[in-house]
Amino acid sequence: MKITVDTNILLRAILEDDPSQAAEARAIMEQATSIAIPVPVFCELVWTMRRLYRRQPNEIADAVEAILRVATVVTDRLAVEAGLRILRTGGDFADGAIAWQGAAMGGDTFITFDRQAVHLLTAAGLPAQTPPPRAERV
C-alpha cells in the first residue's frame, strides 16, 4: 500500500506517548511500499515536538533524519534538509524549507520581517532579506 502520513502518525511512532497508537503507526508504516510525507507535515512535526513536547532542536533533527533514512519515504528531501540546517543553527525549520522550495519555484530571495531568519538563511547559503524600504521599491 502507498500511503501519505499525517503528522500525528509520525508523532506517535517517534514519541511512543500512546503505546497502542504507536504500535499502529509503526505497523502501517512498516507495511507501506511507499510513505509520502509532504513538507508541511515535517513543519508541523518539528513545531509540535519543539513547542508542545519541549524537545531540543538536535533531538528533533535527529528524529527527522531517521525518517529520511527509511527507504520507502518519499518527500522533498532537499527542502527538508534545508529546514534541518536552519533548525540545527537555532532557527525555524519551516523558514529553511520554505526558502528552499521558493527558490526551486523560481524565487530569487526569501523575504521576511524576521531578521534572525535572514541571518540564519544567508549563513546557510540561502538568499534572504527583509523588505527594502518603500522608497527603494519603486
N, C-alpha and C. Protein backbone atom coordinates (compact mmCIF):
# COMPACT_ATOMS: atom_id res chain seq x y z
N MET A 1 0.83 -1.17 0.00
CA MET A 1 0.00 0.00 0.00
C MET A 1 0.88 1.25 0.00
N LYS A 2 0.52 2.22 -0.79
CA LYS A 2 1.20 3.52 -0.82
C LYS A 2 0.37 4.48 0.04
N ILE A 3 1.04 5.11 1.01
CA ILE A 3 0.31 5.96 1.94
C ILE A 3 0.91 7.36 2.02
N THR A 4 0.10 8.28 2.47
CA THR A 4 0.55 9.61 2.87
C THR A 4 0.25 9.71 4.35
N VAL A 5 1.25 10.02 5.15
CA VAL A 5 1.03 10.06 6.60
C VAL A 5 0.79 11.49 7.10
N ASP A 6 -0.07 11.56 8.09
CA ASP A 6 -0.33 12.82 8.78
C ASP A 6 0.70 12.96 9.91
N THR A 7 0.82 14.16 10.40
CA THR A 7 1.76 14.46 11.47
C THR A 7 1.56 13.55 12.68
N ASN A 8 0.30 13.29 13.05
CA ASN A 8 0.06 12.51 14.26
C ASN A 8 0.58 11.08 14.14
N ILE A 9 0.63 10.54 12.94
CA ILE A 9 1.20 9.20 12.76
C ILE A 9 2.69 9.22 13.07
N LEU A 10 3.39 10.21 12.54
CA LEU A 10 4.83 10.33 12.82
C LEU A 10 5.09 10.60 14.29
N LEU A 11 4.30 11.49 14.89
CA LEU A 11 4.48 11.79 16.31
C LEU A 11 4.33 10.54 17.17
N ARG A 12 3.28 9.75 16.92
CA ARG A 12 3.07 8.55 17.72
C ARG A 12 4.25 7.59 17.53
N ALA A 13 4.69 7.42 16.29
CA ALA A 13 5.80 6.49 16.01
C ALA A 13 7.09 6.94 16.68
N ILE A 14 7.34 8.24 16.69
CA ILE A 14 8.58 8.77 17.27
C ILE A 14 8.53 8.82 18.79
N LEU A 15 7.46 9.40 19.32
CA LEU A 15 7.39 9.69 20.75
C LEU A 15 6.89 8.53 21.59
N GLU A 16 6.13 7.62 20.97
CA GLU A 16 5.56 6.47 21.68
C GLU A 16 4.83 6.89 22.95
N ASP A 17 4.15 8.04 22.91
CA ASP A 17 3.44 8.54 24.08
C ASP A 17 2.08 7.88 24.27
N ASP A 18 1.62 7.18 23.26
CA ASP A 18 0.41 6.36 23.35
C ASP A 18 0.81 5.00 22.78
N PRO A 19 1.09 4.03 23.64
CA PRO A 19 1.63 2.75 23.17
C PRO A 19 0.79 2.06 22.10
N SER A 20 -0.52 2.10 22.24
CA SER A 20 -1.39 1.45 21.25
C SER A 20 -1.30 2.14 19.89
N GLN A 21 -1.41 3.47 19.89
CA GLN A 21 -1.32 4.21 18.63
C GLN A 21 0.09 4.14 18.05
N ALA A 22 1.10 4.11 18.90
CA ALA A 22 2.48 4.00 18.42
C ALA A 22 2.66 2.69 17.66
N ALA A 23 2.12 1.61 18.21
CA ALA A 23 2.22 0.30 17.54
C ALA A 23 1.48 0.31 16.21
N GLU A 24 0.30 0.93 16.20
CA GLU A 24 -0.47 1.02 14.95
C GLU A 24 0.28 1.85 13.91
N ALA A 25 0.84 2.98 14.33
CA ALA A 25 1.56 3.86 13.42
C ALA A 25 2.76 3.14 12.82
N ARG A 26 3.52 2.47 13.65
CA ARG A 26 4.70 1.74 13.16
C ARG A 26 4.30 0.61 12.22
N ALA A 27 3.25 -0.10 12.56
CA ALA A 27 2.80 -1.22 11.72
C ALA A 27 2.39 -0.74 10.34
N ILE A 28 1.61 0.31 10.26
CA ILE A 28 1.15 0.78 8.95
C ILE A 28 2.33 1.30 8.13
N MET A 29 3.29 1.94 8.78
CA MET A 29 4.45 2.44 8.05
C MET A 29 5.36 1.30 7.59
N GLU A 30 5.48 0.26 8.41
CA GLU A 30 6.31 -0.89 8.02
C GLU A 30 5.70 -1.67 6.87
N GLN A 31 4.39 -1.69 6.77
CA GLN A 31 3.70 -2.42 5.71
C GLN A 31 3.64 -1.63 4.40
N ALA A 32 3.83 -0.33 4.46
CA ALA A 32 3.68 0.51 3.27
C ALA A 32 4.83 0.28 2.29
N THR A 33 4.51 0.29 1.01
CA THR A 33 5.54 0.20 -0.01
C THR A 33 6.07 1.58 -0.36
N SER A 34 5.32 2.61 0.00
CA SER A 34 5.73 4.00 -0.22
C SER A 34 5.06 4.86 0.84
N ILE A 35 5.85 5.73 1.48
CA ILE A 35 5.34 6.62 2.51
C ILE A 35 5.59 8.06 2.06
N ALA A 36 4.54 8.71 1.59
CA ALA A 36 4.66 10.10 1.16
C ALA A 36 4.53 11.00 2.39
N ILE A 37 5.49 11.90 2.54
CA ILE A 37 5.45 12.85 3.65
C ILE A 37 5.63 14.25 3.06
N PRO A 38 4.52 14.99 2.90
CA PRO A 38 4.63 16.36 2.40
C PRO A 38 5.43 17.24 3.37
N VAL A 39 6.10 18.24 2.84
CA VAL A 39 6.91 19.13 3.67
C VAL A 39 6.10 19.77 4.80
N PRO A 40 4.82 20.18 4.58
CA PRO A 40 4.07 20.73 5.71
C PRO A 40 3.92 19.77 6.89
N VAL A 41 3.94 18.47 6.63
CA VAL A 41 3.89 17.50 7.73
C VAL A 41 5.16 17.61 8.56
N PHE A 42 6.31 17.75 7.92
CA PHE A 42 7.55 17.93 8.67
C PHE A 42 7.52 19.25 9.45
N CYS A 43 6.96 20.30 8.85
CA CYS A 43 6.86 21.58 9.56
C CYS A 43 6.01 21.43 10.82
N GLU A 44 4.87 20.76 10.70
CA GLU A 44 4.02 20.52 11.86
C GLU A 44 4.72 19.64 12.89
N LEU A 45 5.41 18.62 12.42
CA LEU A 45 6.12 17.70 13.31
C LEU A 45 7.15 18.46 14.14
N VAL A 46 7.96 19.25 13.48
CA VAL A 46 9.01 20.00 14.18
C VAL A 46 8.38 20.98 15.17
N TRP A 47 7.36 21.71 14.73
CA TRP A 47 6.71 22.69 15.59
C TRP A 47 6.14 22.00 16.83
N THR A 48 5.43 20.89 16.63
CA THR A 48 4.79 20.19 17.74
C THR A 48 5.82 19.63 18.71
N MET A 49 6.87 19.02 18.18
CA MET A 49 7.90 18.46 19.06
C MET A 49 8.61 19.56 19.85
N ARG A 50 8.81 20.70 19.20
CA ARG A 50 9.52 21.79 19.85
C ARG A 50 8.64 22.51 20.87
N ARG A 51 7.43 22.87 20.48
CA ARG A 51 6.58 23.70 21.33
C ARG A 51 5.78 22.89 22.36
N LEU A 52 5.16 21.81 21.94
CA LEU A 52 4.30 21.07 22.86
C LEU A 52 5.06 20.03 23.67
N TYR A 53 6.03 19.37 23.04
CA TYR A 53 6.77 18.33 23.74
C TYR A 53 8.12 18.81 24.27
N ARG A 54 8.45 20.06 24.00
CA ARG A 54 9.66 20.69 24.54
C ARG A 54 10.95 19.94 24.23
N ARG A 55 11.02 19.37 23.04
CA ARG A 55 12.23 18.66 22.62
C ARG A 55 13.24 19.66 22.07
N GLN A 56 14.49 19.33 22.18
CA GLN A 56 15.57 20.20 21.72
C GLN A 56 15.75 20.07 20.20
N PRO A 57 16.21 21.15 19.55
CA PRO A 57 16.37 21.12 18.09
C PRO A 57 17.18 19.95 17.58
N ASN A 58 18.30 19.61 18.21
CA ASN A 58 19.11 18.50 17.72
C ASN A 58 18.40 17.16 17.85
N GLU A 59 17.62 16.97 18.91
CA GLU A 59 16.85 15.74 19.08
C GLU A 59 15.79 15.63 17.98
N ILE A 60 15.16 16.76 17.68
CA ILE A 60 14.14 16.78 16.62
C ILE A 60 14.79 16.51 15.27
N ALA A 61 15.91 17.17 15.01
CA ALA A 61 16.61 16.97 13.73
C ALA A 61 17.05 15.53 13.57
N ASP A 62 17.52 14.91 14.65
CA ASP A 62 17.91 13.50 14.59
C ASP A 62 16.72 12.62 14.23
N ALA A 63 15.55 12.92 14.80
CA ALA A 63 14.34 12.14 14.51
C ALA A 63 13.93 12.29 13.05
N VAL A 64 14.00 13.52 12.53
CA VAL A 64 13.65 13.75 11.13
C VAL A 64 14.65 13.04 10.22
N GLU A 65 15.92 13.11 10.54
CA GLU A 65 16.92 12.41 9.73
C GLU A 65 16.71 10.91 9.74
N ALA A 66 16.26 10.36 10.87
CA ALA A 66 15.97 8.92 10.93
C ALA A 66 14.81 8.58 9.99
N ILE A 67 13.83 9.45 9.92
CA ILE A 67 12.71 9.25 9.00
C ILE A 67 13.21 9.27 7.56
N LEU A 68 14.09 10.21 7.25
CA LEU A 68 14.61 10.32 5.88
C LEU A 68 15.42 9.09 5.46
N ARG A 69 15.97 8.37 6.43
CA ARG A 69 16.75 7.17 6.11
C ARG A 69 15.87 5.96 5.76
N VAL A 70 14.59 6.05 6.03
CA VAL A 70 13.68 4.95 5.69
C VAL A 70 13.55 4.91 4.16
N ALA A 71 13.87 3.79 3.58
CA ALA A 71 13.93 3.65 2.12
C ALA A 71 12.60 3.95 1.43
N THR A 72 11.50 3.71 2.09
CA THR A 72 10.19 3.89 1.45
C THR A 72 9.64 5.32 1.58
N VAL A 73 10.35 6.19 2.28
CA VAL A 73 9.89 7.58 2.45
C VAL A 73 10.14 8.39 1.19
N VAL A 74 9.10 9.09 0.76
CA VAL A 74 9.16 9.98 -0.39
C VAL A 74 8.81 11.38 0.10
N THR A 75 9.69 12.34 -0.15
CA THR A 75 9.45 13.72 0.25
C THR A 75 10.37 14.62 -0.57
N ASP A 76 10.24 15.91 -0.38
CA ASP A 76 11.18 16.85 -1.00
C ASP A 76 12.38 16.91 -0.06
N ARG A 77 13.29 15.96 -0.25
CA ARG A 77 14.43 15.82 0.67
C ARG A 77 15.29 17.07 0.75
N LEU A 78 15.49 17.75 -0.36
CA LEU A 78 16.33 18.94 -0.32
C LEU A 78 15.71 20.05 0.52
N ALA A 79 14.39 20.19 0.44
CA ALA A 79 13.70 21.19 1.27
C ALA A 79 13.78 20.80 2.74
N VAL A 80 13.58 19.52 3.03
CA VAL A 80 13.66 19.05 4.42
C VAL A 80 15.07 19.23 4.95
N GLU A 81 16.07 18.92 4.15
CA GLU A 81 17.46 19.11 4.59
C GLU A 81 17.78 20.58 4.82
N ALA A 82 17.23 21.48 4.00
CA ALA A 82 17.43 22.91 4.21
C ALA A 82 16.78 23.33 5.53
N GLY A 83 15.60 22.79 5.80
CA GLY A 83 14.94 23.07 7.07
C GLY A 83 15.76 22.58 8.26
N LEU A 84 16.35 21.41 8.12
CA LEU A 84 17.18 20.86 9.19
C LEU A 84 18.42 21.71 9.44
N ARG A 85 19.03 22.22 8.37
CA ARG A 85 20.21 23.09 8.56
C ARG A 85 19.84 24.31 9.39
N ILE A 86 18.69 24.91 9.12
CA ILE A 86 18.28 26.09 9.86
C ILE A 86 17.89 25.70 11.29
N LEU A 87 17.18 24.60 11.47
CA LEU A 87 16.81 24.13 12.80
C LEU A 87 18.04 23.90 13.66
N ARG A 88 19.05 23.25 13.10
CA ARG A 88 20.27 22.94 13.88
C ARG A 88 21.07 24.18 14.24
N THR A 89 20.82 25.31 13.57
CA THR A 89 21.52 26.54 13.92
C THR A 89 20.67 27.45 14.80
N GLY A 90 19.54 26.91 15.29
CA GLY A 90 18.71 27.67 16.22
C GLY A 90 17.52 28.37 15.60
N GLY A 91 17.29 28.15 14.33
CA GLY A 91 16.20 28.81 13.65
C GLY A 91 14.98 27.93 13.47
N ASP A 92 14.10 28.41 12.62
CA ASP A 92 12.83 27.74 12.37
C ASP A 92 12.96 26.82 11.16
N PHE A 93 12.68 25.54 11.38
CA PHE A 93 12.71 24.55 10.31
C PHE A 93 11.92 25.03 9.09
N ALA A 94 10.73 25.55 9.33
CA ALA A 94 9.84 25.95 8.23
C ALA A 94 10.50 27.03 7.37
N ASP A 95 11.23 27.96 7.96
CA ASP A 95 11.89 29.01 7.17
C ASP A 95 12.86 28.40 6.16
N GLY A 96 13.64 27.42 6.60
CA GLY A 96 14.59 26.79 5.68
C GLY A 96 13.89 26.04 4.57
N ALA A 97 12.85 25.28 4.92
CA ALA A 97 12.10 24.52 3.92
C ALA A 97 11.40 25.45 2.94
N ILE A 98 10.79 26.51 3.45
CA ILE A 98 10.08 27.46 2.59
C ILE A 98 11.05 28.17 1.66
N ALA A 99 12.18 28.61 2.20
CA ALA A 99 13.17 29.30 1.36
C ALA A 99 13.66 28.38 0.25
N TRP A 100 13.92 27.12 0.57
CA TRP A 100 14.40 26.17 -0.43
C TRP A 100 13.35 25.94 -1.50
N GLN A 101 12.11 25.66 -1.09
CA GLN A 101 11.07 25.40 -2.07
C GLN A 101 10.77 26.64 -2.91
N GLY A 102 10.82 27.80 -2.30
CA GLY A 102 10.60 29.04 -3.06
C GLY A 102 11.66 29.21 -4.13
N ALA A 103 12.91 28.94 -3.79
CA ALA A 103 13.99 29.03 -4.77
C ALA A 103 13.79 28.02 -5.89
N ALA A 104 13.34 26.81 -5.53
CA ALA A 104 13.09 25.78 -6.54
C ALA A 104 11.96 26.19 -7.49
N MET A 105 11.06 27.04 -7.02
CA MET A 105 9.95 27.52 -7.85
C MET A 105 10.31 28.79 -8.60
N GLY A 106 11.54 29.25 -8.46
CA GLY A 106 11.98 30.40 -9.22
C GLY A 106 12.18 31.68 -8.42
N GLY A 107 11.89 31.64 -7.14
CA GLY A 107 12.11 32.84 -6.32
C GLY A 107 13.60 33.08 -6.12
N ASP A 108 14.01 34.31 -6.29
CA ASP A 108 15.43 34.65 -6.11
C ASP A 108 15.82 34.84 -4.65
N THR A 109 14.90 35.41 -3.86
CA THR A 109 15.23 35.78 -2.49
C THR A 109 14.04 35.55 -1.58
N PHE A 110 14.28 34.96 -0.42
CA PHE A 110 13.26 34.78 0.61
C PHE A 110 13.10 36.12 1.33
N ILE A 111 11.89 36.65 1.38
CA ILE A 111 11.63 37.93 2.01
C ILE A 111 10.84 37.70 3.29
N THR A 112 11.33 38.26 4.39
CA THR A 112 10.68 38.10 5.69
C THR A 112 10.99 39.30 6.57
N PHE A 113 10.12 39.56 7.53
CA PHE A 113 10.39 40.59 8.54
C PHE A 113 11.25 40.03 9.67
N ASP A 114 11.49 38.73 9.69
CA ASP A 114 12.24 38.05 10.74
C ASP A 114 13.74 38.19 10.47
N ARG A 115 14.37 39.11 11.18
CA ARG A 115 15.80 39.39 10.96
C ARG A 115 16.69 38.19 11.32
N GLN A 116 16.32 37.46 12.37
CA GLN A 116 17.11 36.28 12.73
C GLN A 116 17.04 35.24 11.61
N ALA A 117 15.87 35.07 11.02
CA ALA A 117 15.73 34.12 9.91
C ALA A 117 16.62 34.54 8.75
N VAL A 118 16.66 35.84 8.44
CA VAL A 118 17.51 36.33 7.36
C VAL A 118 18.97 35.99 7.65
N HIS A 119 19.39 36.23 8.87
CA HIS A 119 20.78 35.95 9.25
C HIS A 119 21.10 34.46 9.09
N LEU A 120 20.24 33.59 9.63
CA LEU A 120 20.50 32.15 9.57
C LEU A 120 20.41 31.61 8.15
N LEU A 121 19.45 32.09 7.36
CA LEU A 121 19.31 31.61 5.99
C LEU A 121 20.50 32.03 5.13
N THR A 122 20.93 33.28 5.26
CA THR A 122 22.06 33.72 4.44
C THR A 122 23.34 33.00 4.87
N ALA A 123 23.48 32.73 6.17
CA ALA A 123 24.64 31.97 6.65
C ALA A 123 24.63 30.55 6.07
N ALA A 124 23.43 30.03 5.79
CA ALA A 124 23.31 28.68 5.22
C ALA A 124 23.36 28.70 3.69
N GLY A 125 23.57 29.87 3.12
CA GLY A 125 23.69 29.97 1.67
C GLY A 125 22.39 30.15 0.93
N LEU A 126 21.31 30.47 1.64
CA LEU A 126 20.02 30.72 1.00
C LEU A 126 19.77 32.22 0.99
N PRO A 127 19.56 32.82 -0.20
CA PRO A 127 19.35 34.26 -0.27
C PRO A 127 18.09 34.68 0.49
N ALA A 128 18.26 35.63 1.42
CA ALA A 128 17.15 36.12 2.23
C ALA A 128 17.40 37.56 2.61
N GLN A 129 16.32 38.29 2.77
CA GLN A 129 16.43 39.67 3.22
C GLN A 129 15.10 40.15 3.76
N THR A 130 15.17 41.26 4.51
CA THR A 130 13.94 41.91 4.93
C THR A 130 13.46 42.78 3.78
N PRO A 131 12.19 43.17 3.78
CA PRO A 131 11.71 44.01 2.68
C PRO A 131 12.50 45.32 2.62
N PRO A 132 12.84 45.76 1.42
CA PRO A 132 13.54 47.04 1.31
C PRO A 132 12.60 48.18 1.69
N PRO A 133 13.15 49.32 2.12
CA PRO A 133 12.30 50.47 2.44
C PRO A 133 11.43 50.84 1.23
N ARG A 134 10.27 51.40 1.48
CA ARG A 134 9.32 51.73 0.41
C ARG A 134 9.94 52.56 -0.71
N ALA A 135 10.80 53.50 -0.36
CA ALA A 135 11.40 54.36 -1.38
C ALA A 135 12.23 53.56 -2.39
N GLU A 136 12.81 52.44 -1.94
CA GLU A 136 13.64 51.62 -2.82
C GLU A 136 12.83 50.67 -3.67
N ARG A 137 11.54 50.51 -3.40
CA ARG A 137 10.71 49.56 -4.13
C ARG A 137 10.16 50.11 -5.44
N VAL A 138 10.29 51.38 -5.67
CA VAL A 138 9.70 51.98 -6.88
C VAL A 138 10.39 51.55 -8.12
